[in-house]
N, C-alpha and C. Protein backbone atom coordinates (compact mmCIF):
# COMPACT_ATOMS: atom_id res chain seq x y z
N UNK A 1 0.85 -1.18 0.00
CA UNK A 1 0.00 0.00 0.00
C UNK A 1 0.89 1.24 0.00
N UNK A 2 0.85 2.01 -1.08
CA UNK A 2 1.68 3.20 -1.18
C UNK A 2 1.12 4.35 -0.36
N UNK A 3 1.95 5.35 -0.11
CA UNK A 3 1.55 6.45 0.74
C UNK A 3 0.45 7.31 0.14
N UNK A 4 0.34 7.38 -1.18
CA UNK A 4 -0.65 8.23 -1.81
C UNK A 4 -1.92 7.47 -2.20
N UNK A 5 -1.94 6.16 -2.01
CA UNK A 5 -3.10 5.38 -2.40
C UNK A 5 -4.23 5.57 -1.41
N UNK A 6 -5.46 5.61 -1.93
CA UNK A 6 -6.65 5.72 -1.10
C UNK A 6 -7.60 4.61 -1.51
N UNK A 7 -8.28 4.06 -0.52
CA UNK A 7 -9.20 2.98 -0.76
C UNK A 7 -10.53 3.28 -0.10
N UNK A 8 -11.61 2.85 -0.73
CA UNK A 8 -12.94 2.96 -0.16
C UNK A 8 -13.59 1.58 -0.21
N UNK A 9 -14.16 1.19 0.92
CA UNK A 9 -14.83 -0.10 1.02
C UNK A 9 -16.22 0.09 1.61
N UNK A 10 -17.17 -0.70 1.15
CA UNK A 10 -18.49 -0.72 1.76
C UNK A 10 -18.64 -2.09 2.41
N UNK A 11 -18.94 -2.08 3.70
CA UNK A 11 -18.99 -3.31 4.48
C UNK A 11 -20.23 -4.12 4.12
N UNK A 12 -20.03 -5.40 3.90
CA UNK A 12 -21.15 -6.28 3.58
C UNK A 12 -21.58 -7.11 4.79
N UNK A 13 -22.61 -7.89 4.59
CA UNK A 13 -23.19 -8.69 5.67
C UNK A 13 -22.18 -9.67 6.26
N UNK A 14 -21.30 -10.21 5.42
CA UNK A 14 -20.33 -11.22 5.86
C UNK A 14 -19.32 -10.67 6.87
N UNK A 15 -18.97 -9.40 6.75
CA UNK A 15 -17.93 -8.84 7.61
C UNK A 15 -18.48 -7.93 8.70
N UNK A 16 -19.80 -7.76 8.79
CA UNK A 16 -20.36 -6.90 9.83
C UNK A 16 -20.05 -7.47 11.21
N UNK A 17 -20.02 -6.62 12.20
CA UNK A 17 -19.73 -6.98 13.61
C UNK A 17 -18.32 -7.50 13.82
N UNK A 18 -17.41 -7.18 12.91
CA UNK A 18 -16.01 -7.57 13.01
C UNK A 18 -15.18 -6.31 13.23
N UNK A 19 -14.07 -6.45 13.98
CA UNK A 19 -13.19 -5.29 14.20
C UNK A 19 -12.69 -4.74 12.88
N UNK A 20 -12.61 -3.43 12.83
CA UNK A 20 -12.24 -2.77 11.58
C UNK A 20 -10.83 -3.15 11.12
N UNK A 21 -9.90 -3.35 12.06
CA UNK A 21 -8.54 -3.72 11.64
C UNK A 21 -8.52 -5.11 11.01
N UNK A 22 -9.36 -6.02 11.51
CA UNK A 22 -9.43 -7.37 10.93
C UNK A 22 -10.03 -7.34 9.54
N UNK A 23 -11.09 -6.57 9.38
CA UNK A 23 -11.74 -6.46 8.07
C UNK A 23 -10.77 -5.89 7.05
N UNK A 24 -10.08 -4.83 7.41
CA UNK A 24 -9.16 -4.20 6.46
C UNK A 24 -7.97 -5.11 6.15
N UNK A 25 -7.52 -5.90 7.11
CA UNK A 25 -6.41 -6.81 6.81
C UNK A 25 -6.84 -7.91 5.83
N UNK A 26 -8.13 -8.27 5.85
CA UNK A 26 -8.64 -9.22 4.86
C UNK A 26 -8.77 -8.57 3.48
N UNK A 27 -9.27 -7.34 3.47
CA UNK A 27 -9.50 -6.64 2.20
C UNK A 27 -8.20 -6.16 1.56
N UNK A 28 -7.21 -5.83 2.39
CA UNK A 28 -5.90 -5.38 1.90
C UNK A 28 -4.87 -6.44 2.25
N UNK A 29 -4.98 -7.58 1.62
CA UNK A 29 -4.17 -8.74 2.00
C UNK A 29 -2.66 -8.50 1.89
N UNK A 30 -2.25 -7.54 1.07
CA UNK A 30 -0.81 -7.27 0.93
C UNK A 30 -0.28 -6.35 2.03
N UNK A 31 -1.17 -5.88 2.92
CA UNK A 31 -0.80 -4.95 3.97
C UNK A 31 -0.92 -5.62 5.33
N UNK A 32 0.07 -5.46 6.18
CA UNK A 32 0.04 -6.11 7.49
C UNK A 32 -1.01 -5.47 8.40
N UNK A 33 -1.53 -6.28 9.30
CA UNK A 33 -2.53 -5.78 10.25
C UNK A 33 -1.94 -4.72 11.16
N UNK A 34 -0.68 -4.87 11.55
CA UNK A 34 -0.05 -3.88 12.42
C UNK A 34 0.09 -2.53 11.71
N UNK A 35 0.38 -2.55 10.40
CA UNK A 35 0.45 -1.30 9.65
C UNK A 35 -0.92 -0.65 9.55
N UNK A 36 -1.94 -1.46 9.33
CA UNK A 36 -3.32 -0.95 9.28
C UNK A 36 -3.70 -0.34 10.62
N UNK A 37 -3.32 -0.97 11.72
CA UNK A 37 -3.61 -0.43 13.05
C UNK A 37 -2.94 0.93 13.24
N UNK A 38 -1.71 1.08 12.75
CA UNK A 38 -1.01 2.36 12.85
C UNK A 38 -1.71 3.44 12.03
N UNK A 39 -2.20 3.07 10.85
CA UNK A 39 -2.95 4.02 10.03
C UNK A 39 -4.22 4.48 10.75
N UNK A 40 -4.92 3.53 11.36
CA UNK A 40 -6.15 3.86 12.09
C UNK A 40 -5.84 4.79 13.25
N UNK A 41 -4.88 4.41 14.08
CA UNK A 41 -4.52 5.20 15.26
C UNK A 41 -3.95 6.57 14.88
N UNK A 42 -3.39 6.67 13.68
CA UNK A 42 -2.83 7.94 13.20
C UNK A 42 -3.85 8.87 12.56
N UNK A 43 -5.12 8.46 12.56
CA UNK A 43 -6.17 9.32 12.03
C UNK A 43 -6.30 9.29 10.52
N UNK A 44 -5.93 8.18 9.91
CA UNK A 44 -5.98 8.07 8.45
C UNK A 44 -7.18 7.29 7.94
N UNK A 45 -8.22 7.15 8.75
CA UNK A 45 -9.36 6.33 8.39
C UNK A 45 -10.65 7.02 8.78
N UNK A 46 -11.64 6.96 7.90
CA UNK A 46 -12.98 7.45 8.25
C UNK A 46 -14.00 6.35 8.01
N UNK A 47 -15.04 6.37 8.82
CA UNK A 47 -16.18 5.47 8.66
C UNK A 47 -17.40 6.36 8.51
N UNK A 48 -18.06 6.24 7.37
CA UNK A 48 -19.24 7.07 7.06
C UNK A 48 -18.92 8.56 7.21
N UNK A 49 -17.70 8.94 6.80
CA UNK A 49 -17.30 10.33 6.82
C UNK A 49 -16.81 10.84 8.16
N UNK A 50 -16.82 10.00 9.19
CA UNK A 50 -16.38 10.40 10.53
C UNK A 50 -15.02 9.76 10.84
N UNK A 51 -14.12 10.54 11.41
CA UNK A 51 -12.81 10.04 11.78
C UNK A 51 -12.94 8.86 12.74
N UNK A 52 -12.21 7.80 12.49
CA UNK A 52 -12.21 6.62 13.36
C UNK A 52 -10.77 6.33 13.75
N UNK A 53 -10.46 6.40 15.06
CA UNK A 53 -9.11 6.11 15.53
C UNK A 53 -9.05 4.89 16.43
N UNK A 54 -10.14 4.13 16.48
CA UNK A 54 -10.18 2.93 17.31
C UNK A 54 -10.09 1.68 16.44
N UNK A 55 -9.01 0.92 16.63
CA UNK A 55 -8.85 -0.31 15.86
C UNK A 55 -9.87 -1.37 16.29
N UNK A 56 -10.51 -1.15 17.44
CA UNK A 56 -11.50 -2.10 17.95
C UNK A 56 -12.93 -1.80 17.47
N UNK A 57 -13.09 -0.73 16.67
CA UNK A 57 -14.41 -0.38 16.15
C UNK A 57 -14.99 -1.56 15.39
N UNK A 58 -16.23 -1.91 15.70
CA UNK A 58 -16.90 -3.03 15.00
C UNK A 58 -17.76 -2.44 13.89
N UNK A 59 -17.49 -2.89 12.67
CA UNK A 59 -18.19 -2.37 11.50
C UNK A 59 -19.60 -2.91 11.42
N UNK A 60 -20.44 -2.15 10.72
CA UNK A 60 -21.82 -2.56 10.47
C UNK A 60 -22.03 -2.66 8.97
N UNK A 61 -23.00 -3.49 8.57
CA UNK A 61 -23.32 -3.63 7.17
C UNK A 61 -23.70 -2.27 6.59
N UNK A 62 -23.11 -1.92 5.47
CA UNK A 62 -23.39 -0.65 4.81
C UNK A 62 -22.43 0.46 5.18
N UNK A 63 -21.57 0.26 6.20
CA UNK A 63 -20.58 1.28 6.54
C UNK A 63 -19.68 1.54 5.33
N UNK A 64 -19.34 2.80 5.11
CA UNK A 64 -18.38 3.18 4.09
C UNK A 64 -17.07 3.52 4.80
N UNK A 65 -16.03 2.78 4.47
CA UNK A 65 -14.72 2.94 5.11
C UNK A 65 -13.75 3.50 4.09
N UNK A 66 -13.14 4.62 4.42
CA UNK A 66 -12.12 5.24 3.57
C UNK A 66 -10.79 5.22 4.30
N UNK A 67 -9.77 4.74 3.61
CA UNK A 67 -8.44 4.69 4.21
C UNK A 67 -7.41 5.19 3.22
């Protein structure tokens, strides 16, 4: 995952109620979970347009995640 790349994901029924860091590590298989956690904690992620800094956030079906 390059520094200038941006990704948008819409959470489906299969991944709802799962921690956001786990979901993103599945969706971005080439990126380590620890790196994803650092991105989240560093304020580089939004859920439905709102800043999310908790790697423990549990996603819901229909959430739009931008990283």
